[in-house]
Each structure stands twice: as structure tokens, then as C-alpha cells.
N, C-alpha and C. Protein backbone atom coordinates (compact mmCIF):
# COMPACT_ATOMS: atom_id res chain seq x y z
N UNK A 1 -10.80 30.31 -5.18
CA UNK A 1 -11.34 30.63 -4.48
C UNK A 1 -12.02 31.62 -5.25
N UNK A 2 -13.51 31.70 -5.80
CA UNK A 2 -14.23 32.27 -6.22
C UNK A 2 -14.66 33.34 -5.42
N UNK A 3 -14.63 34.20 -5.70
CA UNK A 3 -14.81 36.42 -4.86
C UNK A 3 -16.67 35.93 -4.84
N UNK A 4 -16.78 35.76 -3.62
CA UNK A 4 -17.95 36.06 -3.43
C UNK A 4 -19.09 37.31 -4.49
N UNK A 5 -20.17 37.06 -4.96
CA UNK A 5 -20.55 38.50 -5.58
C UNK A 5 -20.87 39.64 -3.81
N UNK A 6 -20.71 40.73 -4.01
CA UNK A 6 -20.76 41.74 -3.23
C UNK A 6 -22.86 42.22 -2.73
N UNK A 7 -23.34 41.86 -4.02
CA UNK A 7 -24.84 41.47 -3.66
C UNK A 7 -24.89 40.57 -2.59
N UNK A 8 -24.77 39.30 -2.42
CA UNK A 8 -24.89 37.94 -1.62
C UNK A 8 -23.96 38.66 -0.24
N UNK A 9 -22.94 38.67 -0.28
CA UNK A 9 -22.74 39.36 0.62
C UNK A 9 -23.06 40.49 1.43
N UNK A 10 -24.00 41.37 0.50
CA UNK A 10 -24.80 42.84 1.33
C UNK A 10 -26.13 41.54 1.73
N UNK A 11 -26.53 40.94 1.08
CA UNK A 11 -27.61 40.28 1.75
C UNK A 11 -27.34 39.10 2.85
N UNK A 12 -26.28 38.59 3.03
CA UNK A 12 -25.89 37.80 4.42
C UNK A 12 -25.82 39.07 5.51
N UNK A 13 -25.14 40.17 5.25
CA UNK A 13 -25.08 41.12 6.61
C UNK A 13 -26.77 41.04 6.59
N UNK A 14 -27.38 41.81 5.56
CA UNK A 14 -28.43 42.22 6.20
C UNK A 14 -29.89 40.91 6.72
N UNK A 15 -29.70 39.96 6.39
CA UNK A 15 -30.40 38.71 7.07
C UNK A 15 -29.40 38.22 8.20
N UNK A 16 -28.62 38.68 8.40
CA UNK A 16 -27.81 37.83 9.64
C UNK A 16 -28.02 38.99 10.90
N UNK A 17 -28.14 40.05 10.51
CA UNK A 17 -28.48 40.92 11.79
C UNK A 17 -29.75 41.37 11.89
N UNK A 18 -31.17 41.13 11.17
CA UNK A 18 -32.51 40.95 11.54
C UNK A 18 -32.85 39.49 11.70
N UNK A 19 -31.96 38.82 11.44
CA UNK A 19 -32.27 36.84 12.13
C UNK A 19 -33.94 36.52 11.11
N UNK A 20 -33.32 37.01 10.31
CA UNK A 20 -34.47 36.55 9.17
C UNK A 20 -34.19 36.74 7.85
N UNK A 21 -34.42 35.74 6.87
CA UNK A 21 -34.46 35.72 5.79
C UNK A 21 -35.49 36.54 5.68
N UNK A 22 -37.08 36.58 5.28
CA UNK A 22 -38.06 37.28 5.53
C UNK A 22 -37.88 38.50 5.35
N UNK A 23 -37.35 38.36 6.53
CA UNK A 23 -37.45 40.46 6.87
C UNK A 23 -36.01 40.68 6.11
N UNK A 24 -35.22 40.33 6.37
CA UNK A 24 -34.02 40.86 5.37
C UNK A 24 -34.59 40.76 3.64
N UNK A 25 -35.68 39.98 3.18
CA UNK A 25 -36.54 39.62 2.18
C UNK A 25 -37.05 41.77 1.87
N UNK A 26 -37.75 41.67 2.86
CA UNK A 26 -38.09 43.18 2.74
C UNK A 26 -37.60 44.19 2.15
N UNK A 27 -36.32 44.01 3.33
CA UNK A 27 -35.25 45.26 3.52
C UNK A 27 -34.81 45.00 1.88
N UNK A 28 -34.47 43.47 1.53
CA UNK A 28 -33.95 44.15 0.38
C UNK A 28 -34.83 44.24 -1.29
N UNK A 29 -36.31 44.06 -0.82
CA UNK A 29 -36.65 44.04 -2.09
C UNK A 29 -36.97 42.81 -2.65
N UNK A 30 -36.36 41.80 -2.39
CA UNK A 30 -36.29 40.67 -3.01
C UNK A 30 -37.17 39.46 -1.73
N UNK A 31 -37.80 38.20 -2.80
CA UNK A 31 -38.66 37.25 -1.87
C UNK A 31 -37.66 36.39 -1.20
N UNK A 32 -37.82 36.34 0.32
CA UNK A 32 -37.51 34.87 0.96
C UNK A 32 -36.85 34.38 -0.06
N UNK A 33 -37.36 33.87 -0.81
CA UNK A 33 -36.65 31.98 -1.54
C UNK A 33 -35.40 33.00 -1.98
N UNK A 34 -35.51 33.72 -2.56
CA UNK A 34 -34.40 34.54 -3.09
C UNK A 34 -32.71 35.01 -2.15
N UNK A 35 -33.27 35.55 -0.68
CA UNK A 35 -32.48 35.27 0.52
C UNK A 35 -31.67 33.95 0.76
N UNK A 36 -32.99 33.26 0.42
CA UNK A 36 -32.68 31.51 1.18
C UNK A 36 -31.10 31.13 -0.16
N UNK A 37 -31.89 31.52 -1.44
CA UNK A 37 -30.94 30.79 -2.22
C UNK A 37 -29.31 31.48 -2.42
N UNK A 38 -29.51 33.16 -2.55
CA UNK A 38 -27.83 33.73 -2.43
C UNK A 38 -27.69 33.30 -1.09
N UNK A 39 -28.37 33.36 0.57
CA UNK A 39 -27.57 32.91 1.31
C UNK A 39 -26.55 31.23 1.39
N UNK A 40 -27.21 30.30 0.93
CA UNK A 40 -27.03 28.91 0.27
C UNK A 40 -26.08 28.95 -0.07
N UNK A 41 -26.03 29.45 -1.58
CA UNK A 41 -25.03 29.54 -2.38
C UNK A 41 -23.80 30.79 -1.19
N UNK A 42 -23.69 31.15 -1.33
CA UNK A 42 -22.86 32.00 -0.59
C UNK A 42 -21.76 30.97 0.48
N UNK A 43 -22.80 30.14 1.58
CA UNK A 43 -22.59 29.13 2.27
C UNK A 43 -21.46 28.13 1.59
N UNK A 44 -22.28 27.85 0.03
CA UNK A 44 -21.48 26.99 -0.65
C UNK A 44 -20.25 27.48 -1.36
N UNK A 45 -19.91 28.73 -1.48
CA UNK A 45 -18.73 29.48 -1.94
C UNK A 45 -17.34 29.40 -0.90
N UNK A 46 -18.12 29.25 0.30
CA UNK A 46 -17.75 29.41 1.73
C UNK A 46 -16.80 28.12 2.27
N UNK A 47 -18.22 26.91 1.40
CA UNK A 47 -17.82 25.67 2.18
C UNK A 47 -17.67 25.78 3.47
N UNK A 48 -18.81 26.94 3.66
CA UNK A 48 -18.68 26.67 5.58
C UNK A 48 -20.38 27.26 5.74
N UNK A 49 -21.12 27.07 6.59
CA UNK A 49 -22.14 27.27 7.51
C UNK A 49 -22.40 28.37 8.48
N UNK A 50 -23.15 29.56 7.48
CA UNK A 50 -23.72 30.38 8.48
C UNK A 50 -24.59 31.17 9.26
N UNK A 51 -25.28 30.16 8.78
CA UNK A 51 -26.54 30.01 9.48
C UNK A 51 -26.70 28.75 10.49
N UNK A 52 -27.03 28.87 11.24
CA UNK A 52 -27.52 27.57 12.12
C UNK A 52 -29.73 27.38 11.39
N UNK A 53 -30.46 27.53 10.82
CA UNK A 53 -31.88 27.03 10.47
C UNK A 53 -32.80 26.23 11.81
N UNK A 54 -33.87 27.01 12.09
CA UNK A 54 -34.76 25.85 12.69
C UNK A 54 -36.12 26.07 12.60
N UNK A 55 -36.89 25.47 12.87
CA UNK A 55 -38.36 25.44 12.38
C UNK A 55 -38.91 27.09 12.49
N UNK A 56 -38.87 27.90 13.39
CA UNK A 56 -38.96 29.12 12.87
C UNK A 56 -38.07 30.40 13.95
N UNK A 57 -36.63 30.00 13.54
CA UNK A 57 -35.62 30.59 14.10
C UNK A 57 -34.37 30.79 12.55
N UNK A 58 -33.23 31.84 13.44
CA UNK A 58 -32.20 31.72 12.56
C UNK A 58 -31.27 31.95 13.09
N UNK A 59 -30.06 32.13 13.59
CA UNK A 59 -28.94 32.35 13.95
C UNK A 59 -27.95 32.52 13.56
N UNK A 60 -27.07 33.01 13.86
CA UNK A 60 -25.78 32.79 13.03
C UNK A 60 -25.47 31.59 13.77
N UNK A 61 -23.99 30.90 12.90
CA UNK A 61 -23.17 30.20 14.00
C UNK A 61 -21.55 30.66 14.19
N UNK A 62 -20.92 29.78 14.95
CA UNK A 62 -19.59 30.90 15.00
C UNK A 62 -19.02 31.23 13.99
N UNK A 63 -19.02 30.23 12.95
CA UNK A 63 -18.48 30.46 12.04
C UNK A 63 -18.97 31.90 10.99
N UNK A 64 -20.36 32.29 11.00
CA UNK A 64 -21.43 33.02 10.65
C UNK A 64 -21.38 34.79 11.29
N UNK A 65 -20.97 34.48 12.27
CA UNK A 65 -20.45 35.55 13.62
C UNK A 65 -19.54 36.18 13.49
N UNK A 66 -18.11 35.42 12.71
CA UNK A 66 -17.31 36.19 12.69
C UNK A 66 -16.76 36.68 11.71
N UNK A 67 -17.27 35.77 10.78
CA UNK A 67 -17.32 36.07 8.87
C UNK A 67 -18.91 37.12 8.73
N UNK A 68 -19.41 37.57 9.67
CA UNK A 68 -20.65 39.04 9.93
C UNK A 68 -19.14 40.18 10.07
N UNK A 69 -18.35 40.14 11.49
CA UNK A 69 -17.85 41.49 11.52
C UNK A 69 -16.93 41.67 10.21
N UNK A 70 -16.20 41.07 9.97
CA UNK A 70 -15.49 41.18 8.37
C UNK A 70 -15.92 42.02 7.67
N UNK A 71 -17.27 41.79 7.24
CA UNK A 71 -18.06 41.95 6.15
C UNK A 71 -18.49 43.39 6.29
N UNK A 72 -19.33 43.30 7.84
CA UNK A 72 -19.53 45.01 8.12
C UNK A 72 -18.28 45.60 7.85
N UNK A 73 -17.09 45.44 8.38
CA UNK A 73 -16.07 46.38 7.57
C UNK A 73 -15.89 46.44 6.87
N UNK A 74 -16.04 45.31 5.86
CA UNK A 74 -16.15 45.79 4.34
C UNK A 74 -16.23 46.97 3.78
N UNK A 75 -17.57 46.25 4.26
CA UNK A 75 -18.89 47.07 3.47
C UNK A 75 -19.14 48.99 3.69
N UNK A 76 -18.39 48.69 5.39
CA UNK A 76 -18.44 50.10 5.86
C UNK A 76 -17.49 50.90 5.07
N UNK A 77 -16.58 50.01 4.76
CA UNK A 77 -15.05 51.01 4.08
C UNK A 77 -15.23 51.19 2.10
N UNK A 78 -16.08 50.33 2.14
CA UNK A 78 -16.13 50.68 0.15
C UNK A 78 -17.30 51.43 1.07
N UNK A 79 -18.42 52.01 1.50
CA UNK A 79 -18.87 53.53 1.86
C UNK A 79 -18.56 54.25 2.02
N UNK A 80 -16.85 54.41 2.21
CA UNK A 80 -16.61 55.13 2.89
C UNK A 80 -15.93 56.02 2.03
N UNK A 81 -15.47 54.89 0.91
CA UNK A 81 -14.42 54.99 -0.37
C UNK A 81 -15.40 55.50 -1.02
N UNK A 82 -17.38 55.24 -1.18
CA UNK A 82 -17.37 56.43 -2.20
C UNK A 82 -18.10 57.56 -2.19
N UNK A 83 -18.16 57.29 -0.62
CA UNK A 83 -18.13 58.63 -0.35
C UNK A 83 -17.53 59.43 -0.82
N UNK A 84 -16.07 59.05 0.30
CA UNK A 84 -14.60 60.37 0.19
C UNK A 84 -15.01 61.01 -1.42
N UNK A 85 -14.45 60.35 -2.55
CA UNK A 85 -14.75 61.28 -3.66
C UNK A 85 -15.56 62.34 -4.41
N UNK A 86 -16.86 62.15 -4.22
CA UNK A 86 -17.87 62.77 -3.88
C UNK A 86 -17.84 63.51 -2.86
N UNK A 87 -17.50 63.42 -1.75
CA UNK A 87 -17.05 64.98 -0.74
C UNK A 87 -16.66 65.78 -1.30
N UNK A 88 -14.72 64.94 -1.83
CA UNK A 88 -14.24 66.12 -2.57
C UNK A 88 -14.54 66.41 -4.05
N UNK A 89 -15.38 66.24 -4.85
CA UNK A 89 -15.76 66.37 -5.67
C UNK A 89 -16.90 67.72 -5.65
N UNK A 90 -18.00 67.68 -5.01
CA UNK A 90 -18.40 68.67 -4.27
C UNK A 90 -17.70 70.11 -3.47
N UNK A 91 -16.68 69.65 -3.21
CA UNK A 91 -16.17 71.02 -2.06
C UNK A 91 -15.47 72.04 -3.39
N UNK A 92 -15.62 70.87 -5.08
CA UNK A 92 -14.53 72.27 -6.09
C UNK A 92 -14.82 73.26 -6.53
């Protein structure tokens, strides 16, 4: 399996938390279409549906909810790993 793009994972995280491609696009400074395409590509790479799309609704599937938990943990660890060396460098 191809490793998903970090950008796509962050887009998924933001869209999942806001439950809106439009709101995610605004936060990420991209178009709603770009968010939609990134999510679609991520779903194709994973082989699962992450969202249930309604006329004016967007909800996570069970798989999407489970995936979000892992993505939240992964991004938090990534942020922490970036902050740790910076804090060490400042204290020298």
C-alpha cells in the first residue's frame, strides 16, 4: 500500500473535526473542491469510505471515526517531535 500524503491526512483531520469540506477549505486556505479531491484520493488509497456524504451533510463512517483517532494521535506525535528539538535548541 502507498503511504498517504501528510497533506491529505491533515485535510481529512480538519474536515472530520469540522464535518464540512467548505469549513475545512477555509481553515486550510484551499478550495472546497481541493478538499473533496484530496479526501476522495485518500479514500481510494485506503480502499474505504471515510465520510457519508448527504445533500448538505457530512458525517464520518465508522471506519472514518476509527481512522480519525489514529490520525489525531499520529499528528500530535509529529507536532511533539518537531517541538522537542526546537525546545532543546533554545535551552542551549
